[in-house]
Protein backbone atom coordinates (compact mmCIF):
# COMPACT_ATOMS: atom_id res chain seq x y z
CA MET A 1 -48.01 -46.29 0.03
CA SER A 2 -44.87 -48.45 0.09
CA LEU A 3 -41.54 -47.34 -1.31
CA ASN A 4 -39.41 -49.72 -3.30
CA PRO A 5 -36.11 -50.16 -1.35
CA CYS A 6 -34.11 -49.97 -4.57
CA HIS A 7 -35.76 -46.70 -5.53
CA PHE A 8 -35.23 -45.38 -2.03
CA MET A 9 -31.50 -46.16 -2.10
CA HIS A 10 -31.16 -44.64 -5.55
CA ARG A 11 -32.81 -41.42 -4.43
CA LEU A 12 -30.71 -41.36 -1.25
CA VAL A 13 -27.49 -41.70 -3.25
CA ARG A 14 -28.60 -38.90 -5.59
CA CYS A 15 -29.41 -36.64 -2.65
CA MET A 16 -26.05 -37.39 -1.07
CA LYS A 17 -24.28 -36.48 -4.31
CA PHE A 18 -26.05 -33.15 -4.50
CA PHE A 19 -25.35 -32.53 -0.82
CA LEU A 20 -21.68 -33.34 -1.13
CA VAL A 21 -21.25 -31.30 -4.28
CA GLY A 22 -23.03 -28.39 -2.64
CA PHE A 23 -20.97 -28.76 0.54
CA VAL A 24 -17.68 -28.88 -1.34
CA SER A 25 -18.69 -25.88 -3.48
CA LEU A 26 -19.77 -23.93 -0.40
CA SER A 27 -16.55 -24.83 1.39
CA PHE A 28 -14.52 -23.76 -1.62
CA LEU A 29 -16.35 -20.45 -1.95
CA THR A 30 -16.09 -19.84 1.78
CA ALA A 31 -12.36 -20.58 1.70
CA CYS A 32 -11.93 -18.22 -1.25
CA SER A 33 -13.93 -15.56 0.53
CA VAL A 34 -11.88 -15.90 3.71
CA HIS A 35 -8.64 -15.87 1.71
CA ASN A 36 -9.71 -12.76 -0.17
CA GLN A 37 -10.76 -11.05 3.04
CA LEU A 38 -7.39 -11.82 4.60
CA LEU A 39 -5.62 -10.37 1.57
CA ARG A 40 -7.75 -7.24 1.68
CA SER A 41 -7.14 -6.84 5.39
CA ALA A 42 -3.40 -7.09 4.75
CA GLY A 43 -3.84 -4.52 1.99
CA ASP A 44 -5.59 -2.19 4.41
CA VAL A 45 -2.65 -2.41 6.81
CA LEU A 46 0.05 -1.93 4.18
CA SER A 47 -1.76 1.00 2.56
CA LYS A 48 -1.92 3.10 5.71
CA GLU A 49 0.38 6.09 5.33
CA SER A 50 2.55 6.95 8.29
CA ASN A 51 4.84 9.93 8.68
CA SER A 52 7.85 8.55 10.48
CA ALA A 53 9.79 10.64 12.96
CA ASP A 54 12.94 8.64 12.18
CA ASP A 55 15.51 10.88 10.47
CA ASP A 56 17.80 8.02 9.42
CA LEU A 57 17.14 8.28 5.68
CA GLU A 58 19.38 5.35 4.77
CA LEU A 59 17.46 3.06 7.11
CA LEU A 60 14.17 4.38 5.76
CA GLN A 61 15.35 3.84 2.19
CA HIS A 62 15.94 0.13 2.80
CA ALA A 63 12.72 -0.24 4.78
CA SER A 64 10.63 1.49 2.13
CA ALA A 65 12.08 -0.71 -0.62
CA TYR A 66 11.05 -3.85 1.27
CA HIS A 67 7.61 -2.41 2.03
CA LEU A 68 7.13 -1.50 -1.64
CA LYS A 69 7.95 -4.95 -2.99
CA LEU A 70 5.68 -6.60 -0.44
CA SER A 71 2.83 -4.20 -1.23
CA GLU A 72 3.21 -4.60 -4.99
CA SER A 73 3.16 -8.40 -4.67
CA LEU A 74 -0.03 -8.20 -2.65
CA LEU A 75 -1.60 -5.77 -5.13
CA LEU A 76 -1.22 -8.41 -7.86
CA GLN A 77 -3.61 -10.58 -5.83
CA ILE A 78 -6.15 -7.81 -5.18
CA PRO A 79 -5.73 -5.33 -8.05
CA ASP A 80 -9.00 -3.53 -7.22
CA HIS A 81 -7.78 -2.47 -3.76
CA VAL A 82 -7.67 1.27 -4.45
CA LYS A 83 -5.89 2.33 -1.27
CA LEU A 84 -3.18 -0.29 -1.70
CA ALA A 85 -2.69 0.77 -5.33
CA GLU A 86 -2.41 4.38 -4.20
CA SER A 87 0.13 3.35 -1.56
CA VAL A 88 2.29 1.50 -4.11
CA VAL A 89 2.17 4.38 -6.62
CA ARG A 90 2.94 6.89 -3.86
CA GLY A 91 5.79 4.72 -2.57
CA TYR A 92 7.56 4.36 -5.92
CA THR A 93 7.08 8.05 -6.72
CA GLN A 94 8.37 9.25 -3.36
CA TYR A 95 11.30 6.83 -3.54
CA ALA A 96 12.23 8.22 -6.95
CA PHE A 97 12.06 11.83 -5.77
CA VAL A 98 13.60 11.48 -2.32
CA PHE A 99 16.28 8.84 -2.81
CA LEU A 100 17.15 9.13 -6.51
CA MET A 101 16.39 12.55 -8.00
CA ASP A 102 17.46 14.50 -4.94
CA GLU A 103 20.68 12.50 -4.74
CA ALA A 104 21.26 13.11 -8.45
CA ASP A 105 21.00 16.86 -7.92
CA ARG A 106 23.46 16.71 -5.04
CA THR A 107 26.07 14.63 -6.84
CA GLU A 108 25.83 16.17 -10.33
CA SER A 109 28.61 18.71 -9.81
CA GLU A 110 31.01 16.01 -8.66
CA ASN A 111 29.91 12.97 -10.64
CA LEU A 112 27.76 13.64 -13.70
CA GLN A 113 27.74 9.99 -14.74
CA LYS A 114 26.32 8.90 -11.39
CA ALA A 115 23.73 11.68 -11.50
CA ASN A 116 22.58 10.55 -14.95
CA GLN A 117 22.34 6.95 -13.78
CA LEU A 118 20.23 7.98 -10.79
CA ARG A 119 17.89 10.03 -12.98
CA ALA A 120 17.51 7.18 -15.46
CA ARG A 121 16.59 4.86 -12.62
CA ALA A 122 14.17 7.45 -11.23
CA ALA A 123 12.47 7.81 -14.62
CA LYS A 124 12.07 4.05 -14.89
CA MET A 125 10.62 3.85 -11.40
CA MET A 126 8.14 6.62 -12.05
CA MET A 127 7.00 5.00 -15.28
CA ARG A 128 6.40 1.89 -13.25
CA ALA A 129 4.36 3.88 -10.73
CA LYS A 130 2.37 5.56 -13.52
CA THR A 131 1.55 2.18 -15.10
CA ILE A 132 0.36 0.72 -11.81
CA GLY A 133 -1.70 3.81 -11.08
CA LEU A 134 -3.37 3.90 -14.49
CA GLN A 135 -4.23 0.21 -14.28
CA ALA A 136 -5.90 0.75 -10.92
CA LEU A 137 -7.78 3.82 -12.19
CA LEU A 138 -8.98 1.94 -15.26
CA LEU A 139 -10.54 -0.70 -13.03
CA GLN A 140 -12.64 2.07 -11.52
CA TYR A 141 -13.13 4.14 -14.70
CA PRO A 142 -12.86 1.92 -17.82
CA GLN A 143 -13.45 4.91 -20.13
CA LEU A 144 -10.55 6.91 -18.70
CA GLU A 145 -7.89 5.72 -21.13
CA THR A 146 -9.95 6.64 -24.19
CA SER A 147 -10.87 9.97 -22.66
CA LEU A 148 -7.28 10.92 -21.88
CA ALA A 149 -5.95 9.77 -25.24
CA GLY A 150 -8.66 11.62 -27.12
CA GLY A 151 -7.70 15.00 -25.75
CA LYS A 152 -11.27 15.77 -24.79
CA PHE A 153 -14.06 13.85 -23.14
CA ALA A 154 -16.69 12.32 -25.41
CA LYS A 155 -18.85 12.07 -22.32
CA PRO A 156 -18.55 14.03 -19.07
CA LEU A 157 -16.08 12.22 -16.84
CA SER A 158 -15.36 12.74 -13.18
CA ILE A 159 -13.60 10.83 -10.45
CA ALA A 160 -14.81 10.32 -6.91
CA PRO A 161 -13.11 12.36 -4.17
CA GLU A 162 -11.87 9.15 -2.52
CA HIS A 163 -9.88 8.35 -5.69
CA THR A 164 -8.12 11.72 -5.78
CA GLY A 165 -5.05 10.29 -4.08
CA LEU A 166 -4.63 7.56 -6.66
CA ALA A 167 -5.08 10.08 -9.48
CA TYR A 168 -2.68 12.57 -7.85
CA TRP A 169 0.17 10.12 -7.36
CA THR A 170 -0.34 8.66 -10.82
CA LEU A 171 -0.14 12.04 -12.53
CA THR A 172 2.79 13.07 -10.31
CA ALA A 173 4.73 9.95 -11.32
CA TRP A 174 3.77 10.51 -14.95
CA ALA A 175 4.85 14.16 -14.88
CA GLY A 176 8.10 13.19 -13.16
CA ALA A 177 8.86 10.60 -15.82
CA ILE A 178 8.22 13.19 -18.54
CA SER A 179 10.53 15.71 -16.89
CA LEU A 180 13.32 13.11 -16.90
CA SER A 181 12.69 11.86 -20.43
CA LYS A 182 13.27 14.93 -22.59
CA ASP A 183 15.12 12.77 -25.12
CA SER A 184 12.10 10.44 -25.46
CA PRO A 185 9.47 12.21 -27.60
CA ASP A 186 6.89 9.45 -27.05
CA ILE A 187 6.95 10.00 -23.29
CA VAL A 188 7.01 13.81 -23.52
CA ALA A 189 4.00 13.64 -25.84
CA ASP A 190 1.95 12.33 -22.91
CA LEU A 191 1.88 15.75 -21.21
CA PRO A 192 -1.66 16.60 -22.43
CA GLN A 193 -2.93 13.41 -20.80
CA VAL A 194 -1.26 14.36 -17.53
CA LEU A 195 -2.90 17.78 -17.71
CA LEU A 196 -6.34 16.23 -18.27
CA LEU A 197 -5.86 13.83 -15.37
CA SER A 198 -4.79 16.73 -13.14
CA GLU A 199 -8.00 18.58 -14.03
CA LEU A 200 -10.05 15.56 -12.97
CA ALA A 201 -8.20 15.36 -9.67
CA TRP A 202 -8.57 19.11 -9.10
CA LYS A 203 -12.32 18.98 -9.67
CA ALA A 204 -12.63 16.05 -7.27
CA LYS A 205 -10.68 17.47 -4.32
CA PRO A 206 -8.57 20.64 -4.80
CA SER A 207 -7.20 20.72 -1.25
CA PHE A 208 -5.91 17.14 -1.38
CA ASP A 209 -2.98 16.32 0.91
CA ASN A 210 -2.32 19.72 2.50
CA GLY A 211 -2.07 21.51 -0.84
CA ALA A 212 0.09 18.91 -2.60
CA LEU A 213 -2.30 18.81 -5.55
CA ALA A 214 -2.44 22.61 -5.72
CA GLY A 215 1.35 22.70 -5.87
CA MET A 216 1.36 20.14 -8.67
CA MET A 217 -1.22 22.22 -10.56
CA GLY A 218 1.17 25.17 -10.31
CA THR A 219 4.08 23.08 -11.57
CA LEU A 220 2.05 21.76 -14.50
CA GLU A 221 0.83 25.28 -15.36
CA LEU A 222 4.47 26.32 -15.76
CA ALA A 223 5.28 23.20 -17.80
CA LYS A 224 2.47 23.33 -20.35
CA PRO A 225 2.75 25.30 -23.60
CA GLY A 226 1.46 28.82 -23.03
CA GLY A 227 1.40 28.33 -19.28
CA LYS A 228 0.78 31.46 -17.22
CA PRO A 229 3.15 32.23 -14.33
CA ASP A 230 0.47 34.32 -12.59
CA GLN A 231 -1.94 31.39 -12.62
CA ALA A 232 0.83 29.11 -11.39
CA ALA A 233 1.52 31.52 -8.52
CA THR A 234 -2.16 31.39 -7.57
CA TYR A 235 -2.01 27.60 -7.35
CA PHE A 236 1.15 27.72 -5.22
CA ASP A 237 -0.42 30.29 -2.90
CA GLN A 238 -3.42 28.00 -2.46
CA ALA A 239 -1.03 25.19 -1.60
CA ILE A 240 0.56 27.40 1.06
CA ALA A 241 -2.87 28.28 2.46
CA TRP A 242 -3.74 24.57 2.75
CA ARG A 243 -0.28 23.51 3.99
CA GLY A 244 -1.22 22.38 7.49
CA ASP A 245 2.09 21.87 9.27
CA GLN A 246 4.06 21.14 6.07
CA ILE A 247 6.78 23.36 4.59
CA ALA A 248 6.70 21.66 1.17
CA PRO A 249 4.50 24.32 -0.53
CA TRP A 250 7.06 27.08 0.14
CA VAL A 251 9.87 24.93 -1.21
CA SER A 252 7.82 23.94 -4.24
CA LYS A 253 6.93 27.53 -5.10
CA ALA A 254 10.56 28.56 -4.78
CA GLU A 255 11.95 25.70 -6.84
CA ASN A 256 9.34 25.93 -9.57
CA TRP A 257 7.68 29.36 -9.84
CA ALA A 258 10.57 31.53 -8.58
CA VAL A 259 13.08 29.71 -10.77
CA ALA A 260 10.80 29.78 -13.84
CA THR A 261 10.28 33.53 -13.45
CA GLN A 262 13.91 34.09 -12.45
CA ASN A 263 12.80 35.85 -9.27
CA LYS A 264 15.85 35.42 -7.08
CA GLU A 265 14.48 37.58 -4.28
CA ALA A 266 11.26 35.57 -4.00
CA PHE A 267 13.31 32.36 -4.20
CA THR A 268 15.33 33.38 -1.15
CA GLN A 269 12.33 34.65 0.80
CA LEU A 270 10.27 31.51 0.22
CA LEU A 271 13.06 29.18 1.25
CA ASN A 272 13.93 31.21 4.34
CA GLN A 273 10.24 31.13 5.26
CA ALA A 274 10.34 27.36 4.90
CA LEU A 275 13.37 27.16 7.21
CA GLU A 276 11.58 29.29 9.78
CA GLU A 277 8.40 27.22 9.61
CA ALA A 278 10.38 23.98 9.92
CA LYS A 279 11.64 24.80 13.42
CA GLY A 280 10.48 22.19 15.89
CA LYS A 281 9.09 19.90 13.18
CA THR A 282 10.88 16.54 13.15
CA ASP A 283 8.56 14.40 11.04
CA LEU A 284 10.01 12.78 7.92
CA SER A 285 8.24 14.93 5.32
CA ASN A 286 9.43 18.19 6.84
CA THR A 287 12.91 16.78 7.45
CA ILE A 288 13.26 15.90 3.77
CA MET A 289 11.93 19.25 2.58
CA LEU A 290 14.13 21.10 5.06
CA ARG A 291 17.16 19.37 3.60
CA ARG A 292 15.97 20.28 0.11
CA ALA A 293 15.46 23.93 1.08
CA ARG A 294 18.96 24.19 2.51
CA TRP A 295 20.48 22.62 -0.60
CA LEU A 296 18.58 25.00 -2.86
CA LEU A 297 19.84 28.01 -0.90
CA ASP A 298 23.39 26.68 -1.05
CA SER A 299 23.02 26.23 -4.83
CA ILE A 300 21.53 29.65 -5.53
CA ASP A 301 24.50 30.82 -7.60
CA ASN A 302 24.13 27.82 -9.91
CA ILE A 303 20.37 28.29 -10.26
CA PHE A 304 20.33 32.03 -11.07
C-alpha cells in the first residue's frame, strides 16, 4: 500500500508539533520541579535549629535578623514547608522575647519611654509570628480556624506530633502578643483560641522541646480566668522533669508561678537552683536564661 507524500508530510508535521509541545511542557515541568526542589532544600537548611555557643548577643541579634528575613522570603515561595514556617515563627518569637522584651524590662526603671517602645515593637513582631504560624497550620488543617473561633470543635480535631513545634511557637507568639496588648480588647479576646491551640499541642506531644510546652501550659493556666495555681505548678514541675540540660523551666516557674502566688521563698530557691544548674553550660539558650535569672534575683524587691 503506497502512502501519498503529501499526506505523509502532513502527518509528520503534526507528529513533530505534538512532540515539540510535549517536550517543551516536559522541560517546563522538569524545570519547575527542579526549582521547587532547590527551594525546599534551601528551606531544609534554613529551618535547622542550632544552639550557638557564641555569647556575643549583639552579634547574634544582627545575624538572626538577617536569617529571619531570608527565611521569611523563602517561605513565601514554599508556604507549605512546615519546618521552615516553624523556624520563622520561632525566630520572630525568640527575637521578641530575647532582644526586645528582656531589654524593655532592664531599661524600664531608667527609661520608661524606651521600654514602652520596645514592648510595642515586640507585640508587633509576635503578631507577625502568630499570623505566619496560623497560615502554615491552616494549610495542614483547613478546619482549624473555624474550630478555634467557635470555642469548641464541631468535629474531633487533632494535630500530628510532627506539627507540635509549629503549633507551640504560634501559640507562644500569640500569647506573648496578648500579654503586651492589654489596651487592645480585640487581641486580648483571642485568649480562648490560644488555650484551645495549646490543648491540641499538648495532646500531640506533651514533652515537646525539653518541657517548653509544659512550661507554657503552666503560664496559660495562670493567665486564664479561674486558672488554678496548683495545676500550673504541676505543669511547671513536668517541664523541670523534662528539662534535659536546660535551666529555662526553673526560671519560668519562678517568674510565673512564684510571682503569681507571691511565693518569695520559692522564687529565690528556683532561681538559685537555675544558677547552680547553669554551671559549665555555655550554650546560647542557657546563657540567655542565666542572664534572666540573675536579673530577676537582682529585681526581687521590685517584684515582691
